[in-house]
N, C-alpha and C. Protein backbone atom coordinates (compact mmCIF):
# COMPACT_ATOMS: atom_id res chain seq x y z
N UNK A 1 86.93 57.88 -114.51
CA UNK A 1 86.95 57.70 -115.96
C UNK A 1 85.74 58.35 -116.62
N UNK A 2 84.56 58.21 -116.00
CA UNK A 2 83.37 58.83 -116.56
C UNK A 2 83.54 60.34 -116.66
N UNK A 3 84.05 60.94 -115.61
CA UNK A 3 84.19 62.39 -115.59
C UNK A 3 85.20 62.86 -116.62
N UNK A 4 86.22 62.05 -116.86
CA UNK A 4 87.25 62.44 -117.82
C UNK A 4 86.73 62.40 -119.26
N UNK A 5 85.93 61.38 -119.56
CA UNK A 5 85.50 61.19 -120.95
C UNK A 5 84.10 61.74 -121.24
N UNK A 6 83.26 61.88 -120.20
CA UNK A 6 82.00 62.62 -120.29
C UNK A 6 80.89 61.94 -121.09
N UNK A 7 81.18 60.90 -121.82
CA UNK A 7 80.13 60.16 -122.53
C UNK A 7 80.55 58.70 -122.63
N UNK A 8 79.57 57.81 -122.51
CA UNK A 8 79.87 56.39 -122.68
C UNK A 8 78.78 55.74 -123.53
N UNK A 9 79.20 54.71 -124.25
CA UNK A 9 78.30 54.01 -125.16
C UNK A 9 77.74 52.78 -124.48
N UNK A 10 76.45 52.56 -124.67
CA UNK A 10 75.78 51.38 -124.12
C UNK A 10 75.45 50.46 -125.29
N UNK A 11 76.05 49.28 -125.28
CA UNK A 11 75.89 48.36 -126.40
C UNK A 11 74.97 47.22 -126.00
N UNK A 12 73.85 47.16 -126.69
CA UNK A 12 72.86 46.11 -126.46
C UNK A 12 72.34 45.67 -127.83
N UNK A 13 72.64 44.45 -128.22
CA UNK A 13 72.19 43.93 -129.50
C UNK A 13 71.63 42.52 -129.30
N UNK A 14 71.00 42.00 -130.34
CA UNK A 14 70.51 40.62 -130.30
C UNK A 14 71.53 39.64 -130.87
N UNK A 15 72.61 40.17 -131.40
CA UNK A 15 73.64 39.35 -132.05
C UNK A 15 74.99 39.70 -131.44
N UNK A 16 75.67 38.73 -130.83
CA UNK A 16 76.95 39.04 -130.19
C UNK A 16 78.01 39.54 -131.17
N UNK A 17 78.00 39.03 -132.39
CA UNK A 17 78.98 39.50 -133.37
C UNK A 17 78.76 40.97 -133.70
N UNK A 18 77.50 41.36 -133.79
CA UNK A 18 77.20 42.77 -134.03
C UNK A 18 77.63 43.64 -132.85
N UNK A 19 77.49 43.10 -131.65
CA UNK A 19 77.93 43.84 -130.46
C UNK A 19 79.42 44.11 -130.52
N UNK A 20 80.19 43.09 -130.91
CA UNK A 20 81.64 43.26 -131.04
C UNK A 20 81.96 44.29 -132.12
N UNK A 21 81.30 44.15 -133.26
CA UNK A 21 81.54 45.07 -134.37
C UNK A 21 81.23 46.51 -133.99
N UNK A 22 80.10 46.71 -133.33
CA UNK A 22 79.73 48.06 -132.90
C UNK A 22 80.74 48.61 -131.90
N UNK A 23 81.15 47.77 -130.97
CA UNK A 23 82.12 48.21 -129.95
C UNK A 23 83.43 48.64 -130.59
N UNK A 24 83.94 47.83 -131.50
CA UNK A 24 85.22 48.16 -132.13
C UNK A 24 85.10 49.40 -133.01
N UNK A 25 83.96 49.56 -133.67
CA UNK A 25 83.74 50.76 -134.48
C UNK A 25 83.75 52.01 -133.60
N UNK A 26 83.10 51.92 -132.45
CA UNK A 26 83.05 53.06 -131.54
C UNK A 26 84.42 53.39 -130.97
N UNK A 27 85.19 52.37 -130.65
CA UNK A 27 86.55 52.60 -130.15
C UNK A 27 87.38 53.31 -131.22
N UNK A 28 87.28 52.83 -132.45
CA UNK A 28 88.02 53.47 -133.54
C UNK A 28 87.58 54.91 -133.76
N UNK A 29 86.31 55.20 -133.44
CA UNK A 29 85.79 56.55 -133.60
C UNK A 29 86.18 57.47 -132.45
N UNK A 30 86.80 56.91 -131.42
CA UNK A 30 87.27 57.73 -130.31
C UNK A 30 86.55 57.55 -129.00
N UNK A 31 85.53 56.69 -128.97
CA UNK A 31 84.81 56.44 -127.71
C UNK A 31 85.71 55.59 -126.81
N UNK A 32 85.91 56.03 -125.60
CA UNK A 32 86.85 55.35 -124.70
C UNK A 32 86.17 54.59 -123.56
N UNK A 33 84.89 54.81 -123.36
CA UNK A 33 84.17 54.11 -122.29
C UNK A 33 82.95 53.45 -122.90
N UNK A 34 82.88 52.13 -122.77
CA UNK A 34 81.79 51.36 -123.33
C UNK A 34 81.22 50.41 -122.29
N UNK A 35 79.94 50.21 -122.38
CA UNK A 35 79.23 49.29 -121.49
C UNK A 35 78.56 48.22 -122.35
N UNK A 36 78.92 46.96 -122.10
CA UNK A 36 78.28 45.85 -122.80
C UNK A 36 77.15 45.33 -121.92
N UNK A 37 75.92 45.49 -122.37
CA UNK A 37 74.79 45.03 -121.56
C UNK A 37 74.77 43.51 -121.48
N UNK A 38 74.58 43.00 -120.28
CA UNK A 38 74.52 41.54 -120.10
C UNK A 38 73.25 40.94 -120.67
N UNK A 39 72.33 41.77 -121.16
CA UNK A 39 71.16 41.24 -121.86
C UNK A 39 71.50 40.85 -123.30
N UNK A 40 72.67 41.23 -123.77
CA UNK A 40 73.13 40.82 -125.10
C UNK A 40 73.49 39.33 -125.06
N UNK A 41 73.04 38.54 -126.01
CA UNK A 41 73.42 37.12 -126.03
C UNK A 41 74.94 36.96 -126.01
N UNK A 42 75.41 35.99 -125.22
CA UNK A 42 76.85 35.73 -125.10
C UNK A 42 77.63 36.99 -124.73
N UNK A 43 77.05 37.79 -123.86
CA UNK A 43 77.67 39.06 -123.49
C UNK A 43 79.06 38.88 -122.90
N UNK A 44 79.27 37.83 -122.14
CA UNK A 44 80.59 37.63 -121.54
C UNK A 44 81.64 37.38 -122.60
N UNK A 45 81.27 36.65 -123.64
CA UNK A 45 82.21 36.41 -124.74
C UNK A 45 82.48 37.71 -125.50
N UNK A 46 81.45 38.54 -125.62
CA UNK A 46 81.64 39.85 -126.24
C UNK A 46 82.66 40.66 -125.45
N UNK A 47 82.52 40.66 -124.13
CA UNK A 47 83.46 41.38 -123.27
C UNK A 47 84.87 40.84 -123.45
N UNK A 48 84.99 39.51 -123.47
CA UNK A 48 86.32 38.90 -123.66
C UNK A 48 86.93 39.33 -124.99
N UNK A 49 86.14 39.26 -126.04
CA UNK A 49 86.65 39.56 -127.38
C UNK A 49 87.06 41.02 -127.50
N UNK A 50 86.21 41.92 -127.04
CA UNK A 50 86.53 43.34 -127.15
C UNK A 50 87.75 43.68 -126.30
N UNK A 51 87.84 43.12 -125.11
CA UNK A 51 89.01 43.35 -124.26
C UNK A 51 90.27 42.87 -124.95
N UNK A 52 90.19 41.71 -125.59
CA UNK A 52 91.35 41.17 -126.31
C UNK A 52 91.76 42.09 -127.45
N UNK A 53 90.78 42.66 -128.13
CA UNK A 53 91.06 43.49 -129.31
C UNK A 53 91.59 44.87 -128.94
N UNK A 54 91.06 45.46 -127.90
CA UNK A 54 91.41 46.86 -127.61
C UNK A 54 92.29 47.02 -126.37
N UNK A 55 92.48 45.93 -125.62
CA UNK A 55 93.30 46.03 -124.43
C UNK A 55 92.48 46.36 -123.20
N UNK A 56 93.09 46.20 -122.07
CA UNK A 56 92.41 46.41 -120.79
C UNK A 56 92.86 47.74 -120.20
N UNK A 57 92.18 48.82 -120.63
CA UNK A 57 92.53 50.14 -120.11
C UNK A 57 91.50 50.67 -119.13
N UNK A 58 90.57 49.80 -118.73
CA UNK A 58 89.56 50.20 -117.76
C UNK A 58 88.32 50.81 -118.35
N UNK A 59 88.25 50.90 -119.68
CA UNK A 59 87.12 51.56 -120.30
C UNK A 59 85.96 50.66 -120.69
N UNK A 60 86.12 49.36 -120.52
CA UNK A 60 85.06 48.43 -120.91
C UNK A 60 84.39 47.85 -119.67
N UNK A 61 83.09 48.05 -119.58
CA UNK A 61 82.36 47.55 -118.43
C UNK A 61 81.19 46.69 -118.81
N UNK A 62 80.56 46.12 -117.81
CA UNK A 62 79.36 45.29 -118.00
C UNK A 62 78.16 46.07 -117.51
N UNK A 63 77.10 46.09 -118.32
CA UNK A 63 75.89 46.78 -117.94
C UNK A 63 74.74 45.84 -117.66
N UNK A 64 73.70 46.36 -117.04
CA UNK A 64 72.52 45.57 -116.67
C UNK A 64 72.94 44.37 -115.83
N UNK A 65 73.82 44.60 -114.87
CA UNK A 65 74.31 43.52 -114.01
C UNK A 65 73.25 43.25 -112.95
N UNK A 66 72.66 42.04 -112.94
CA UNK A 66 71.49 41.81 -112.09
C UNK A 66 71.78 41.37 -110.67
N UNK A 67 72.96 40.74 -110.45
CA UNK A 67 73.21 40.19 -109.13
C UNK A 67 74.71 39.98 -108.93
N UNK A 68 75.07 39.50 -107.74
CA UNK A 68 76.48 39.34 -107.39
C UNK A 68 77.16 38.29 -108.26
N UNK A 69 76.47 37.20 -108.56
CA UNK A 69 77.08 36.15 -109.38
C UNK A 69 77.40 36.67 -110.77
N UNK A 70 76.48 37.42 -111.35
CA UNK A 70 76.72 38.00 -112.67
C UNK A 70 77.87 38.99 -112.64
N UNK A 71 77.98 39.73 -111.55
CA UNK A 71 79.10 40.66 -111.40
C UNK A 71 80.42 39.93 -111.49
N UNK A 72 80.56 38.84 -110.74
CA UNK A 72 81.82 38.09 -110.74
C UNK A 72 82.12 37.50 -112.11
N UNK A 73 81.10 36.99 -112.79
CA UNK A 73 81.33 36.44 -114.13
C UNK A 73 81.80 37.52 -115.10
N UNK A 74 81.20 38.70 -114.98
CA UNK A 74 81.58 39.79 -115.88
C UNK A 74 83.02 40.24 -115.63
N UNK A 75 83.40 40.33 -114.37
CA UNK A 75 84.76 40.74 -114.04
C UNK A 75 85.76 39.70 -114.53
N UNK A 76 85.42 38.43 -114.35
CA UNK A 76 86.30 37.36 -114.84
C UNK A 76 86.46 37.42 -116.36
N UNK A 77 85.43 37.90 -117.04
CA UNK A 77 85.49 38.01 -118.50
C UNK A 77 86.30 39.21 -118.96
N UNK A 78 86.56 40.14 -118.04
CA UNK A 78 87.37 41.30 -118.39
C UNK A 78 86.74 42.65 -118.13
N UNK A 79 85.51 42.67 -117.62
CA UNK A 79 84.86 43.95 -117.34
C UNK A 79 85.61 44.70 -116.24
N UNK A 80 85.87 45.97 -116.47
CA UNK A 80 86.61 46.78 -115.51
C UNK A 80 85.69 47.48 -114.52
N UNK A 81 84.42 47.57 -114.85
CA UNK A 81 83.45 48.19 -113.95
C UNK A 81 82.08 47.60 -114.24
N UNK A 82 81.13 47.90 -113.37
CA UNK A 82 79.77 47.36 -113.53
C UNK A 82 78.76 48.48 -113.46
N UNK A 83 77.68 48.30 -114.21
CA UNK A 83 76.55 49.22 -114.17
C UNK A 83 75.31 48.40 -113.87
N UNK A 84 74.57 48.79 -112.86
CA UNK A 84 73.38 48.03 -112.49
C UNK A 84 72.12 48.75 -112.96
N UNK A 85 71.05 47.99 -113.21
CA UNK A 85 69.80 48.63 -113.63
C UNK A 85 69.04 49.27 -112.49
N UNK A 86 69.36 48.85 -111.28
CA UNK A 86 68.67 49.34 -110.08
C UNK A 86 69.56 49.07 -108.88
N UNK A 87 69.02 49.30 -107.69
CA UNK A 87 69.79 49.04 -106.47
C UNK A 87 69.64 47.57 -106.10
N UNK A 88 70.45 46.74 -106.72
CA UNK A 88 70.38 45.30 -106.50
C UNK A 88 71.62 44.81 -105.76
N UNK A 89 71.70 43.53 -105.42
CA UNK A 89 72.85 43.02 -104.65
C UNK A 89 74.20 43.20 -105.33
N UNK A 90 74.21 43.40 -106.64
CA UNK A 90 75.49 43.59 -107.34
C UNK A 90 76.19 44.86 -106.87
N UNK A 91 75.43 45.86 -106.45
CA UNK A 91 76.04 47.11 -105.99
C UNK A 91 76.87 46.86 -104.74
N UNK A 92 76.27 46.24 -103.76
CA UNK A 92 76.97 45.97 -102.51
C UNK A 92 78.18 45.06 -102.74
N UNK A 93 78.01 44.05 -103.60
CA UNK A 93 79.10 43.12 -103.85
C UNK A 93 80.25 43.80 -104.58
N UNK A 94 79.94 44.67 -105.53
CA UNK A 94 81.00 45.39 -106.24
C UNK A 94 81.81 46.24 -105.28
N UNK A 95 81.13 46.93 -104.39
CA UNK A 95 81.82 47.75 -103.40
C UNK A 95 82.68 46.86 -102.51
N UNK A 96 82.15 45.71 -102.13
CA UNK A 96 82.88 44.80 -101.23
C UNK A 96 84.18 44.31 -101.84
N UNK A 97 84.15 43.99 -103.15
CA UNK A 97 85.34 43.42 -103.79
C UNK A 97 86.17 44.46 -104.53
N UNK A 98 85.76 45.72 -104.47
CA UNK A 98 86.57 46.77 -105.05
C UNK A 98 86.41 46.98 -106.54
N UNK A 99 85.27 46.60 -107.09
CA UNK A 99 84.99 46.83 -108.51
C UNK A 99 84.21 48.14 -108.63
N UNK A 100 84.67 49.08 -109.43
CA UNK A 100 83.90 50.32 -109.61
C UNK A 100 82.49 50.02 -110.09
N UNK A 101 81.52 50.70 -109.49
CA UNK A 101 80.12 50.40 -109.83
C UNK A 101 79.33 51.69 -110.01
N UNK A 102 78.54 51.70 -111.08
CA UNK A 102 77.59 52.77 -111.35
C UNK A 102 76.22 52.20 -111.05
N UNK A 103 75.60 52.67 -110.00
CA UNK A 103 74.34 52.09 -109.52
C UNK A 103 73.15 52.79 -110.15
N UNK A 104 72.20 52.00 -110.61
CA UNK A 104 70.98 52.56 -111.18
C UNK A 104 70.05 53.09 -110.11
N UNK A 105 69.53 54.29 -110.32
CA UNK A 105 68.61 54.91 -109.36
C UNK A 105 67.79 55.95 -110.11
N UNK A 106 66.74 56.42 -109.45
CA UNK A 106 65.93 57.49 -110.04
C UNK A 106 65.53 58.53 -109.00
N UNK A 107 64.97 58.08 -107.89
CA UNK A 107 64.45 59.01 -106.90
C UNK A 107 65.54 59.47 -105.93
N UNK A 108 65.32 60.57 -105.22
CA UNK A 108 66.28 61.00 -104.21
C UNK A 108 66.55 59.93 -103.16
N UNK A 109 65.52 59.19 -102.78
CA UNK A 109 65.73 58.12 -101.80
C UNK A 109 66.66 57.05 -102.34
N UNK A 110 66.46 56.68 -103.60
CA UNK A 110 67.34 55.68 -104.22
C UNK A 110 68.76 56.22 -104.36
N UNK A 111 68.89 57.48 -104.70
CA UNK A 111 70.22 58.09 -104.79
C UNK A 111 70.92 58.03 -103.44
N UNK A 112 70.21 58.39 -102.38
CA UNK A 112 70.79 58.37 -101.04
C UNK A 112 71.20 56.96 -100.65
N UNK A 113 70.39 55.98 -101.01
CA UNK A 113 70.72 54.58 -100.71
C UNK A 113 71.97 54.15 -101.45
N UNK A 114 72.07 54.52 -102.73
CA UNK A 114 73.25 54.17 -103.52
C UNK A 114 74.51 54.79 -102.94
N UNK A 115 74.39 56.03 -102.49
CA UNK A 115 75.53 56.70 -101.86
C UNK A 115 75.93 55.96 -100.59
N UNK A 116 74.95 55.59 -99.78
CA UNK A 116 75.24 54.87 -98.54
C UNK A 116 75.90 53.52 -98.81
N UNK A 117 75.53 52.88 -99.92
CA UNK A 117 76.13 51.60 -100.28
C UNK A 117 77.56 51.75 -100.76
N UNK A 118 77.93 52.94 -101.19
CA UNK A 118 79.29 53.18 -101.64
C UNK A 118 79.48 53.19 -103.14
N UNK A 119 78.40 53.37 -103.90
CA UNK A 119 78.52 53.40 -105.36
C UNK A 119 79.44 54.53 -105.81
N UNK A 120 80.20 54.27 -106.86
CA UNK A 120 81.13 55.27 -107.38
C UNK A 120 80.42 56.37 -108.16
N UNK A 121 79.32 56.01 -108.80
CA UNK A 121 78.52 56.98 -109.55
C UNK A 121 77.09 56.47 -109.56
N UNK A 122 76.17 57.34 -109.93
CA UNK A 122 74.75 56.99 -109.94
C UNK A 122 74.21 57.16 -111.36
N UNK A 123 73.70 56.07 -111.92
CA UNK A 123 73.03 56.14 -113.21
C UNK A 123 71.58 56.57 -112.98
N UNK A 124 71.21 57.73 -113.48
CA UNK A 124 69.82 58.17 -113.37
C UNK A 124 69.07 57.65 -114.59
N UNK A 125 68.14 56.73 -114.34
CA UNK A 125 67.41 56.08 -115.43
C UNK A 125 65.94 55.92 -115.05
N UNK A 126 65.04 56.23 -115.99
CA UNK A 126 65.31 56.88 -117.28
C UNK A 126 65.40 58.40 -117.13
N UNK A 127 66.46 58.94 -117.65
CA UNK A 127 66.70 60.38 -117.51
C UNK A 127 65.62 61.21 -118.19
N UNK A 128 64.98 60.64 -119.19
CA UNK A 128 63.98 61.38 -119.95
C UNK A 128 62.78 61.79 -119.10
N UNK A 129 62.56 61.13 -117.97
CA UNK A 129 61.42 61.48 -117.13
C UNK A 129 61.52 62.90 -116.58
N UNK A 130 62.73 63.33 -116.32
CA UNK A 130 62.89 64.67 -115.76
C UNK A 130 63.79 65.59 -116.55
N UNK A 131 64.58 64.99 -117.45
CA UNK A 131 65.47 65.78 -118.27
C UNK A 131 66.57 66.47 -117.48
N UNK A 132 67.30 67.37 -118.11
CA UNK A 132 68.39 68.07 -117.43
C UNK A 132 67.94 68.83 -116.18
N UNK A 133 66.71 69.33 -116.17
CA UNK A 133 66.24 70.07 -114.99
C UNK A 133 66.20 69.17 -113.76
N UNK A 134 65.90 67.90 -113.95
CA UNK A 134 65.87 66.98 -112.82
C UNK A 134 67.28 66.73 -112.29
N UNK A 135 68.24 66.60 -113.20
CA UNK A 135 69.62 66.43 -112.76
C UNK A 135 70.07 67.65 -111.96
N UNK A 136 69.72 68.82 -112.45
CA UNK A 136 70.06 70.05 -111.73
C UNK A 136 69.45 70.05 -110.33
N UNK A 137 68.21 69.61 -110.24
CA UNK A 137 67.54 69.57 -108.93
C UNK A 137 68.23 68.58 -107.99
N UNK A 138 68.68 67.45 -108.52
CA UNK A 138 69.35 66.45 -107.68
C UNK A 138 70.69 66.94 -107.16
N UNK A 139 71.36 67.78 -107.92
CA UNK A 139 72.68 68.22 -107.49
C UNK A 139 72.62 69.17 -106.29
N UNK A 140 71.45 69.73 -106.02
CA UNK A 140 71.34 70.60 -104.84
C UNK A 140 71.51 69.82 -103.54
N UNK A 141 70.73 68.73 -103.31
CA UNK A 141 70.93 67.97 -102.08
C UNK A 141 72.10 66.99 -102.16
N UNK A 142 72.57 66.70 -103.38
CA UNK A 142 73.67 65.73 -103.55
C UNK A 142 74.79 66.36 -104.38
N UNK A 143 75.45 67.39 -103.86
CA UNK A 143 76.44 68.12 -104.67
C UNK A 143 77.70 67.32 -104.99
N UNK A 144 78.00 66.30 -104.21
CA UNK A 144 79.23 65.54 -104.43
C UNK A 144 79.00 64.25 -105.23
N UNK A 145 77.77 63.98 -105.61
CA UNK A 145 77.46 62.72 -106.29
C UNK A 145 77.75 62.85 -107.78
N UNK A 146 78.35 61.80 -108.34
CA UNK A 146 78.62 61.75 -109.77
C UNK A 146 77.41 61.15 -110.48
N UNK A 147 76.64 61.99 -111.13
CA UNK A 147 75.44 61.53 -111.83
C UNK A 147 75.75 61.25 -113.29
N UNK A 148 75.21 60.13 -113.78
CA UNK A 148 75.38 59.74 -115.18
C UNK A 148 74.01 59.40 -115.76
N UNK A 149 73.33 60.36 -116.35
CA UNK A 149 71.99 60.12 -116.90
C UNK A 149 72.03 59.16 -118.09
N UNK A 150 71.04 58.29 -118.14
CA UNK A 150 70.90 57.30 -119.21
C UNK A 150 69.41 57.15 -119.51
N UNK A 151 69.11 56.90 -120.76
CA UNK A 151 67.71 56.66 -121.12
C UNK A 151 67.03 57.93 -121.57
N UNK A 152 67.05 58.18 -122.87
CA UNK A 152 66.45 59.40 -123.38
C UNK A 152 67.45 60.50 -123.67
N UNK A 153 68.74 60.24 -123.45
CA UNK A 153 69.77 61.21 -123.82
C UNK A 153 69.98 61.10 -125.32
N UNK A 154 69.81 62.19 -126.03
CA UNK A 154 69.94 62.17 -127.49
C UNK A 154 71.35 62.58 -127.90
N UNK A 155 71.59 62.51 -129.21
CA UNK A 155 72.89 62.91 -129.73
C UNK A 155 73.18 64.38 -129.43
N UNK A 156 72.12 65.17 -129.29
CA UNK A 156 72.29 66.61 -129.12
C UNK A 156 72.12 67.10 -127.68
N UNK A 157 71.55 66.26 -126.81
CA UNK A 157 71.22 66.76 -125.47
C UNK A 157 72.26 66.45 -124.40
N UNK A 158 73.31 65.73 -124.76
CA UNK A 158 74.32 65.39 -123.77
C UNK A 158 74.90 66.59 -123.06
N UNK A 159 75.21 67.62 -123.83
CA UNK A 159 75.77 68.83 -123.24
C UNK A 159 74.82 69.46 -122.23
N UNK A 160 73.52 69.41 -122.50
CA UNK A 160 72.54 69.98 -121.57
C UNK A 160 72.60 69.28 -120.21
N UNK A 161 72.75 67.95 -120.24
CA UNK A 161 72.84 67.19 -118.99
C UNK A 161 74.14 67.52 -118.25
N UNK A 162 75.23 67.65 -119.00
CA UNK A 162 76.50 67.99 -118.37
C UNK A 162 76.45 69.38 -117.75
N UNK A 163 75.86 70.31 -118.48
CA UNK A 163 75.73 71.67 -117.95
C UNK A 163 74.84 71.72 -116.71
N UNK A 164 73.95 70.73 -116.60
CA UNK A 164 73.05 70.67 -115.45
C UNK A 164 73.71 70.03 -114.23
N UNK A 165 74.92 69.47 -114.41
CA UNK A 165 75.62 68.91 -113.28
C UNK A 165 76.02 67.46 -113.38
N UNK A 166 75.63 66.77 -114.46
CA UNK A 166 76.05 65.39 -114.65
C UNK A 166 77.54 65.34 -114.96
N UNK A 167 78.19 64.23 -114.59
CA UNK A 167 79.61 64.07 -114.92
C UNK A 167 79.79 63.40 -116.26
N UNK A 168 78.77 62.64 -116.70
CA UNK A 168 78.84 61.94 -117.98
C UNK A 168 77.43 61.56 -118.39
N UNK A 169 77.27 61.23 -119.66
CA UNK A 169 75.98 60.76 -120.16
C UNK A 169 76.20 59.44 -120.89
N UNK A 170 75.19 58.57 -120.80
CA UNK A 170 75.25 57.30 -121.49
C UNK A 170 74.25 57.26 -122.63
N UNK A 171 74.68 56.78 -123.78
CA UNK A 171 73.81 56.68 -124.95
C UNK A 171 73.81 55.26 -125.49
N UNK A 172 72.61 54.74 -125.70
CA UNK A 172 72.46 53.41 -126.26
C UNK A 172 71.86 53.48 -127.65
N UNK A 173 70.55 53.29 -127.75
CA UNK A 173 69.90 53.23 -129.05
C UNK A 173 70.03 54.51 -129.88
N UNK A 174 70.03 55.71 -129.29
CA UNK A 174 70.23 56.89 -130.14
C UNK A 174 71.60 56.88 -130.83
N UNK A 175 72.58 56.27 -130.19
CA UNK A 175 73.92 56.20 -130.76
C UNK A 175 74.05 55.02 -131.72
N UNK A 176 73.64 53.83 -131.28
CA UNK A 176 73.79 52.65 -132.13
C UNK A 176 72.83 52.68 -133.32
N UNK A 177 71.59 53.09 -133.07
CA UNK A 177 70.56 53.14 -134.13
C UNK A 177 70.55 51.82 -134.89
N UNK A 178 70.54 51.87 -136.23
CA UNK A 178 70.41 50.64 -137.00
C UNK A 178 71.67 49.80 -137.03
N UNK A 179 72.78 50.33 -136.53
CA UNK A 179 74.01 49.53 -136.46
C UNK A 179 73.83 48.32 -135.56
N UNK A 180 72.93 48.43 -134.60
CA UNK A 180 72.66 47.30 -133.70
C UNK A 180 71.99 46.14 -134.43
N UNK A 181 71.44 46.43 -135.62
CA UNK A 181 70.83 45.38 -136.45
C UNK A 181 71.63 45.12 -137.71
N UNK A 182 72.87 45.58 -137.74
CA UNK A 182 73.71 45.35 -138.91
C UNK A 182 73.75 46.52 -139.88
N UNK A 183 73.34 47.69 -139.44
CA UNK A 183 73.29 48.87 -140.30
C UNK A 183 74.65 49.51 -140.54
N UNK A 184 74.61 50.71 -141.07
CA UNK A 184 75.77 51.44 -141.54
C UNK A 184 76.75 51.77 -140.41
N UNK A 185 77.96 51.21 -140.49
CA UNK A 185 78.96 51.46 -139.45
C UNK A 185 79.61 52.82 -139.61
N UNK A 186 79.70 53.31 -140.84
CA UNK A 186 80.23 54.65 -141.03
C UNK A 186 79.32 55.69 -140.37
N UNK A 187 78.01 55.46 -140.49
CA UNK A 187 77.06 56.36 -139.84
C UNK A 187 77.18 56.28 -138.33
N UNK A 188 77.45 55.08 -137.81
CA UNK A 188 77.67 54.91 -136.38
C UNK A 188 78.87 55.74 -135.93
N UNK A 189 79.94 55.65 -136.68
CA UNK A 189 81.14 56.42 -136.34
C UNK A 189 80.86 57.92 -136.39
N UNK A 190 80.07 58.35 -137.37
CA UNK A 190 79.72 59.77 -137.48
C UNK A 190 78.90 60.22 -136.27
N UNK A 191 77.97 59.37 -135.83
CA UNK A 191 77.19 59.73 -134.64
C UNK A 191 78.08 59.82 -133.41
N UNK A 192 79.04 58.91 -133.32
CA UNK A 192 79.97 58.94 -132.19
C UNK A 192 80.78 60.24 -132.20
N UNK A 193 81.25 60.63 -133.37
CA UNK A 193 82.00 61.89 -133.47
C UNK A 193 81.15 63.07 -133.03
N UNK A 194 79.87 63.04 -133.41
CA UNK A 194 78.96 64.13 -133.06
C UNK A 194 78.79 64.21 -131.54
N UNK A 195 78.61 63.06 -130.91
CA UNK A 195 78.44 63.04 -129.46
C UNK A 195 79.70 63.54 -128.76
N UNK A 196 80.84 63.03 -129.18
CA UNK A 196 82.09 63.42 -128.53
C UNK A 196 82.35 64.92 -128.69
N UNK A 197 82.02 65.46 -129.86
CA UNK A 197 82.19 66.89 -130.06
C UNK A 197 81.24 67.69 -129.17
N UNK A 198 80.04 67.16 -129.01
CA UNK A 198 79.02 67.85 -128.21
C UNK A 198 79.41 67.94 -126.74
N UNK A 199 80.02 66.87 -126.22
CA UNK A 199 80.31 66.84 -124.78
C UNK A 199 81.72 67.31 -124.45
N UNK A 200 82.52 67.60 -125.47
CA UNK A 200 83.90 68.02 -125.22
C UNK A 200 83.94 69.30 -124.40
N UNK A 201 84.93 69.39 -123.53
CA UNK A 201 85.10 70.61 -122.75
C UNK A 201 85.51 71.76 -123.67
N UNK A 202 84.87 72.88 -123.49
CA UNK A 202 85.16 74.03 -124.35
C UNK A 202 86.31 74.86 -123.77
């Protein structure tokens, strides 16, 4: 799914209602893959609500999944996949129970460990530390790995990461901006359109 859509939204707010509103706005704008961070208050209820509103097409996942117990709660709430902040027990558990998992990593050693664990994709975080050149460097020893850079990807730089070998890019605060605090939803939709146009296959 990441490779097909090439960009995913990371939703992290201090207000669960705002998280739902942002998610639905992004879906209406054409974003098909969204990650609800479990650091959002009542994140599981947000996942339930958004799943109820938009249906279960596999595009809604749980992010910042800290452990196996949280993984199971998120899946029960409707999450179709999990994203971890690092190589934690949730990665192994997701692989064990057949839940698609994007494992957080940064160094080549961590990438190799995530691959050995069976992760479906690797979230490179924070991507801003090395930029697209780092992704390009990682693809040399790991040509078959699906890299998804997160953290520092701007509205305009997604294409650079994809051209460097990433299969998709994740955007949080650059995409949500003030909408995460109740700001302009039309502007949020416009930013989403800009990102989708930037990463679209030519």
